[in-house]
Amino acid sequence: MDWLSKYWWVIILIVLLGMFINVIKDLKRIDPKKYLDNKPDLPPHRDFNDKWDDEDDWPKKK
């Protein structure tokens, strides 16, 4: 266990290297062109002004 107290940073480097390799593998599987072709439409933006802005300042269309 003496080596563990001396070389604890090597274990952390091995874990970080493994995480880095897995991220690279996952990023290689992403196809941005396919995603952009099948991208879902976003709903219109809604803010929370409707809670306090009840009166309408615009003229009503007939």
C-alpha atoms as a PDB file:
ATOM      1  CA  MET A   1       0.000   0.000   0.000  1.00  0.00           C
ATOM      2  CA  ASP A   2       3.010   2.260   0.146  1.00  0.00           C
ATOM      3  CA  TRP A   3       3.016   2.494  -3.647  1.00  0.00           C
ATOM      4  CA  LEU A   4      -0.616   3.673  -3.550  1.00  0.00           C
ATOM      5  CA  SER A   5       0.259   6.647  -1.396  1.00  0.00           C
ATOM      6  CA  LYS A   6       3.161   7.512  -3.702  1.00  0.00           C
ATOM      7  CA  TYR A   7       1.469   6.969  -7.056  1.00  0.00           C
ATOM      8  CA  TRP A   8      -2.177   7.935  -6.445  1.00  0.00           C
ATOM      9  CA  TRP A   9      -1.948  10.445  -9.265  1.00  0.00           C
ATOM     10  CA  VAL A  10      -1.238   7.650 -11.778  1.00  0.00           C
ATOM     11  CA  ILE A  11      -4.602   6.054 -10.982  1.00  0.00           C
ATOM     12  CA  ILE A  12      -6.344   9.387 -11.517  1.00  0.00           C
ATOM     13  CA  LEU A  13      -4.548   9.810 -14.865  1.00  0.00           C
ATOM     14  CA  ILE A  14      -5.619   6.325 -15.963  1.00  0.00           C
ATOM     15  CA  VAL A  15      -9.259   7.069 -15.082  1.00  0.00           C
ATOM     16  CA  LEU A  16      -9.170  10.410 -16.882  1.00  0.00           C
ATOM     17  CA  LEU A  17      -7.540   8.816 -19.919  1.00  0.00           C
ATOM     18  CA  GLY A  18     -10.274   6.166 -20.016  1.00  0.00           C
ATOM     19  CA  MET A  19     -12.959   8.842 -19.809  1.00  0.00           C
ATOM     20  CA  PHE A  20     -11.265  10.815 -22.577  1.00  0.00           C
ATOM     21  CA  ILE A  21     -11.099   7.760 -24.851  1.00  0.00           C
ATOM     22  CA  ASN A  22     -14.796   6.982 -24.249  1.00  0.00           C
ATOM     23  CA  VAL A  23     -15.773  10.563 -25.067  1.00  0.00           C
ATOM     24  CA  ILE A  24     -13.830  10.418 -28.333  1.00  0.00           C
ATOM     25  CA  LYS A  25     -15.524   7.124 -29.253  1.00  0.00           C
ATOM     26  CA  ASP A  26     -18.969   8.564 -28.538  1.00  0.00           C
ATOM     27  CA  LEU A  27     -18.261  11.730 -30.509  1.00  0.00           C
ATOM     28  CA  LYS A  28     -17.165   9.690 -33.517  1.00  0.00           C
ATOM     29  CA  ARG A  29     -20.566   7.984 -33.591  1.00  0.00           C
ATOM     30  CA  ILE A  30     -22.440  11.280 -33.934  1.00  0.00           C
ATOM     31  CA  ASP A  31     -23.424  12.193 -37.485  1.00  0.00           C
ATOM     32  CA  PRO A  32     -24.171  15.943 -37.530  1.00  0.00           C
ATOM     33  CA  LYS A  33     -25.601  15.892 -41.062  1.00  0.00           C
ATOM     34  CA  LYS A  34     -28.123  13.205 -40.142  1.00  0.00           C
ATOM     35  CA  TYR A  35     -29.087  15.120 -37.006  1.00  0.00           C
ATOM     36  CA  LEU A  36     -29.547  18.372 -38.897  1.00  0.00           C
ATOM     37  CA  ASP A  37     -31.705  16.625 -41.488  1.00  0.00           C
ATOM     38  CA  ASN A  38     -33.968  15.115 -38.807  1.00  0.00           C
ATOM     39  CA  LYS A  39     -33.814  17.964 -36.304  1.00  0.00           C
ATOM     40  CA  PRO A  40     -37.137  18.471 -34.513  1.00  0.00           C
ATOM     41  CA  ASP A  41     -38.786  21.865 -34.782  1.00  0.00           C
ATOM     42  CA  LEU A  42     -38.533  23.954 -31.666  1.00  0.00           C
ATOM     43  CA  PRO A  43     -41.747  25.295 -30.203  1.00  0.00           C
ATOM     44  CA  PRO A  44     -42.141  29.074 -30.316  1.00  0.00           C
ATOM     45  CA  HIS A  45     -40.393  30.929 -27.541  1.00  0.00           C
ATOM     46  CA  ARG A  46     -42.616  31.790 -24.637  1.00  0.00           C
ATOM     47  CA  ASP A  47     -41.575  34.147 -21.931  1.00  0.00           C
ATOM     48  CA  PHE A  48     -43.339  34.796 -18.673  1.00  0.00           C
ATOM     49  CA  ASN A  49     -44.521  38.285 -19.556  1.00  0.00           C
ATOM     50  CA  ASP A  50     -48.023  36.978 -20.111  1.00  0.00           C
ATOM     51  CA  LYS A  51     -48.537  36.708 -16.353  1.00  0.00           C
ATOM     52  CA  TRP A  52     -48.304  40.424 -15.729  1.00  0.00           C
ATOM     53  CA  ASP A  53     -49.102  41.846 -19.171  1.00  0.00           C
ATOM     54  CA  ASP A  54     -52.824  41.190 -19.377  1.00  0.00           C
ATOM     55  CA  GLU A  55     -53.809  44.404 -21.066  1.00  0.00           C
ATOM     56  CA  ASP A  56     -53.156  44.474 -24.747  1.00  0.00           C
ATOM     57  CA  ASP A  57     -51.541  47.652 -26.074  1.00  0.00           C
ATOM     58  CA  TRP A  58     -51.889  46.727 -29.722  1.00  0.00           C
ATOM     59  CA  PRO A  59     -55.015  47.596 -31.650  1.00  0.00           C
ATOM     60  CA  LYS A  60     -57.255  44.621 -32.288  1.00  0.00           C
ATOM     61  CA  LYS A  61     -57.536  43.301 -35.812  1.00  0.00           C
ATOM     62  CA  LYS A  62     -61.016  43.050 -37.256  1.00  0.00           C
END
